[in-house]
């Protein structure tokens, strides 16, 4: 069974900052499905 991963950024963050791109890349190396949605921050 294949696992899916959902990485959610914090307030005023994005899926393109901090450690999220690194973790996504590491999980994808293992052929895992990773979702990193970009939520609005209200700014």
Protein backbone atom coordinates (compact mmCIF):
# COMPACT_ATOMS: atom_id res chain seq x y z
CA UNK A 1 0.00 0.00 0.00
CA UNK A 2 1.32 3.42 -0.97
CA UNK A 3 1.15 6.25 1.57
CA UNK A 4 0.15 9.81 0.76
CA UNK A 5 1.63 12.81 2.56
CA UNK A 6 0.09 16.23 3.07
CA UNK A 7 2.54 18.98 4.07
CA UNK A 8 0.83 22.11 5.38
CA UNK A 9 2.70 25.39 5.82
CA UNK A 10 2.13 27.70 8.78
CA UNK A 11 0.66 31.19 8.90
CA UNK A 12 2.23 33.53 6.33
CA UNK A 13 4.28 30.63 4.96
CA UNK A 14 4.26 28.89 1.62
CA UNK A 15 4.98 25.42 0.24
CA UNK A 16 8.09 26.91 -1.36
CA UNK A 17 9.88 28.06 1.80
CA UNK A 18 11.69 26.67 4.83
CA UNK A 19 12.11 22.87 4.97
CA UNK A 20 9.01 21.93 2.96
CA UNK A 21 10.73 21.71 -0.49
CA UNK A 22 13.52 19.58 1.01
CA UNK A 23 11.10 17.17 2.72
CA UNK A 24 8.94 16.90 -0.40
CA UNK A 25 12.00 16.01 -2.48
CA UNK A 26 13.13 13.38 0.04
CA UNK A 27 9.69 11.74 0.14
CA UNK A 28 9.38 11.77 -3.64
CA UNK A 29 12.76 10.00 -3.90
CA UNK A 30 11.02 7.09 -2.15
CA UNK A 31 8.21 7.18 -4.76
CA UNK A 32 5.71 8.52 -2.24
CA UNK A 33 2.81 10.81 -3.17
CA UNK A 34 3.23 14.28 -1.62
CA UNK A 35 0.77 17.18 -1.63
CA UNK A 36 1.83 20.71 -0.63
CA UNK A 37 -1.13 23.05 -1.18
CA UNK A 38 -0.67 26.81 -1.14
CA UNK A 39 -3.20 28.32 1.27
CA UNK A 40 -4.08 32.04 1.26
CA UNK A 41 -2.55 34.01 4.10
CA UNK A 42 -5.03 36.88 4.25
CA UNK A 43 -2.42 39.55 3.53
